[in-house]
Amino acid sequence: MLCQAQTIIVGAHNRTESRGAHARDDFEDRDDDNWMKHTLTWTDEKASVSIDYRPVHMYTYSDDCEVIPPKQRVY
């Protein structure tokens, strides 16, 4: 569980924005220009964390519904 926690912490610290449940006091706004991507993290045998990214797909797998574009959450 410590390795899993470490990958979450490193991935969150690397993401310099606030988005939904991922909120940071030092980066209060979302940044779609730089962070419209999924963060992938993993650890190796020495507990070093690696980071990579996967694009966010803005399409659906059927014609039954339309894509819902992202927007800022306001409360």
C-alpha atoms as a PDB file:
ATOM      1  CA  MET A   1       0.000   0.000   0.000  1.00  0.00           C
ATOM      2  CA  LEU A   2       2.937   2.344   0.578  1.00  0.00           C
ATOM      3  CA  CYS A   3       4.045   1.976  -3.054  1.00  0.00           C
ATOM      4  CA  GLN A   4       0.510   2.776  -4.218  1.00  0.00           C
ATOM      5  CA  ALA A   5       0.383   5.841  -1.955  1.00  0.00           C
ATOM      6  CA  GLN A   6       3.755   6.995  -3.267  1.00  0.00           C
ATOM      7  CA  THR A   7       2.626   6.824  -6.901  1.00  0.00           C
ATOM      8  CA  ILE A   8      -0.517   8.836  -6.073  1.00  0.00           C
ATOM      9  CA  ILE A   9       1.491  11.504  -4.228  1.00  0.00           C
ATOM     10  CA  VAL A  10       4.110  11.864  -6.972  1.00  0.00           C
ATOM     11  CA  GLY A  11       1.457  12.046  -9.703  1.00  0.00           C
ATOM     12  CA  ALA A  12      -0.575  14.642  -7.781  1.00  0.00           C
ATOM     13  CA  HIS A  13       2.469  16.770  -6.977  1.00  0.00           C
ATOM     14  CA  ASN A  14       3.506  16.734 -10.631  1.00  0.00           C
ATOM     15  CA  ARG A  15       0.081  18.006 -11.803  1.00  0.00           C
ATOM     16  CA  THR A  16       0.231  21.813 -11.490  1.00  0.00           C
ATOM     17  CA  GLU A  17      -3.492  22.569 -11.535  1.00  0.00           C
ATOM     18  CA  SER A  18      -6.716  22.023  -9.596  1.00  0.00           C
ATOM     19  CA  ARG A  19      -9.372  19.812 -11.155  1.00  0.00           C
ATOM     20  CA  GLY A  20     -12.345  18.240  -9.363  1.00  0.00           C
ATOM     21  CA  ALA A  21     -11.185  16.162  -6.413  1.00  0.00           C
ATOM     22  CA  HIS A  22      -7.578  17.024  -7.270  1.00  0.00           C
ATOM     23  CA  ALA A  23      -7.332  20.471  -5.665  1.00  0.00           C
ATOM     24  CA  ARG A  24      -4.167  22.399  -4.823  1.00  0.00           C
ATOM     25  CA  ASP A  25      -3.861  25.677  -2.930  1.00  0.00           C
ATOM     26  CA  ASP A  26      -0.795  26.706  -4.949  1.00  0.00           C
ATOM     27  CA  PHE A  27      -2.530  26.102  -8.322  1.00  0.00           C
ATOM     28  CA  GLU A  28      -6.173  27.095  -7.876  1.00  0.00           C
ATOM     29  CA  ASP A  29      -7.392  26.932 -11.504  1.00  0.00           C
ATOM     30  CA  ARG A  30      -7.724  24.083 -13.953  1.00  0.00           C
ATOM     31  CA  ASP A  31      -5.350  24.164 -16.927  1.00  0.00           C
ATOM     32  CA  ASP A  32      -6.858  22.302 -19.885  1.00  0.00           C
ATOM     33  CA  ASP A  33      -4.160  23.551 -22.275  1.00  0.00           C
ATOM     34  CA  ASN A  34      -1.451  21.628 -20.393  1.00  0.00           C
ATOM     35  CA  TRP A  35      -3.330  19.012 -18.389  1.00  0.00           C
ATOM     36  CA  MET A  36      -6.107  17.607 -20.574  1.00  0.00           C
ATOM     37  CA  LYS A  37      -4.470  14.187 -20.255  1.00  0.00           C
ATOM     38  CA  HIS A  38      -4.505  11.186 -17.940  1.00  0.00           C
ATOM     39  CA  THR A  39      -1.522  10.742 -15.624  1.00  0.00           C
ATOM     40  CA  LEU A  40      -0.062   7.233 -15.470  1.00  0.00           C
ATOM     41  CA  THR A  41       2.361   6.332 -12.670  1.00  0.00           C
ATOM     42  CA  TRP A  42       4.161   3.167 -11.634  1.00  0.00           C
ATOM     43  CA  THR A  43       7.030   2.080  -9.402  1.00  0.00           C
ATOM     44  CA  ASP A  44      10.021  -0.098 -10.157  1.00  0.00           C
ATOM     45  CA  GLU A  45      11.835  -2.593  -7.911  1.00  0.00           C
ATOM     46  CA  LYS A  46      13.716   0.256  -6.180  1.00  0.00           C
ATOM     47  CA  ALA A  47      10.461   2.154  -5.430  1.00  0.00           C
ATOM     48  CA  SER A  48      11.266   4.885  -7.969  1.00  0.00           C
ATOM     49  CA  VAL A  49       8.134   6.397  -9.475  1.00  0.00           C
ATOM     50  CA  SER A  50       7.821   6.927 -13.235  1.00  0.00           C
ATOM     51  CA  ILE A  51       5.234   9.196 -14.850  1.00  0.00           C
ATOM     52  CA  ASP A  52       3.699   9.047 -18.320  1.00  0.00           C
ATOM     53  CA  TYR A  53       0.505  10.356 -19.898  1.00  0.00           C
ATOM     54  CA  ARG A  54      -2.384   9.149 -22.032  1.00  0.00           C
ATOM     55  CA  PRO A  55      -4.608  11.483 -24.057  1.00  0.00           C
ATOM     56  CA  VAL A  56      -8.206  12.167 -23.081  1.00  0.00           C
ATOM     57  CA  HIS A  57     -10.513  10.903 -25.828  1.00  0.00           C
ATOM     58  CA  MET A  58     -13.239  13.387 -26.718  1.00  0.00           C
ATOM     59  CA  TYR A  59     -15.539  10.895 -28.435  1.00  0.00           C
ATOM     60  CA  THR A  60     -17.983   8.186 -27.443  1.00  0.00           C
ATOM     61  CA  TYR A  61     -18.067   4.561 -28.514  1.00  0.00           C
ATOM     62  CA  SER A  62     -21.599   4.826 -29.856  1.00  0.00           C
ATOM     63  CA  ASP A  63     -23.904   7.320 -31.537  1.00  0.00           C
ATOM     64  CA  ASP A  64     -26.450   6.960 -28.715  1.00  0.00           C
ATOM     65  CA  CYS A  65     -25.027   9.921 -26.781  1.00  0.00           C
ATOM     66  CA  GLU A  66     -22.910  12.997 -27.409  1.00  0.00           C
ATOM     67  CA  VAL A  67     -19.586  13.901 -25.869  1.00  0.00           C
ATOM     68  CA  ILE A  68     -19.915  16.054 -22.778  1.00  0.00           C
ATOM     69  CA  PRO A  69     -17.174  18.680 -22.932  1.00  0.00           C
ATOM     70  CA  PRO A  70     -15.198  19.339 -19.752  1.00  0.00           C
ATOM     71  CA  LYS A  71     -15.971  22.411 -17.707  1.00  0.00           C
ATOM     72  CA  GLN A  72     -14.971  24.008 -14.454  1.00  0.00           C
ATOM     73  CA  ARG A  73     -16.728  22.727 -11.349  1.00  0.00           C
ATOM     74  CA  VAL A  74     -18.271  25.498  -9.316  1.00  0.00           C
ATOM     75  CA  TYR A  75     -19.910  25.147  -5.943  1.00  0.00           C
END
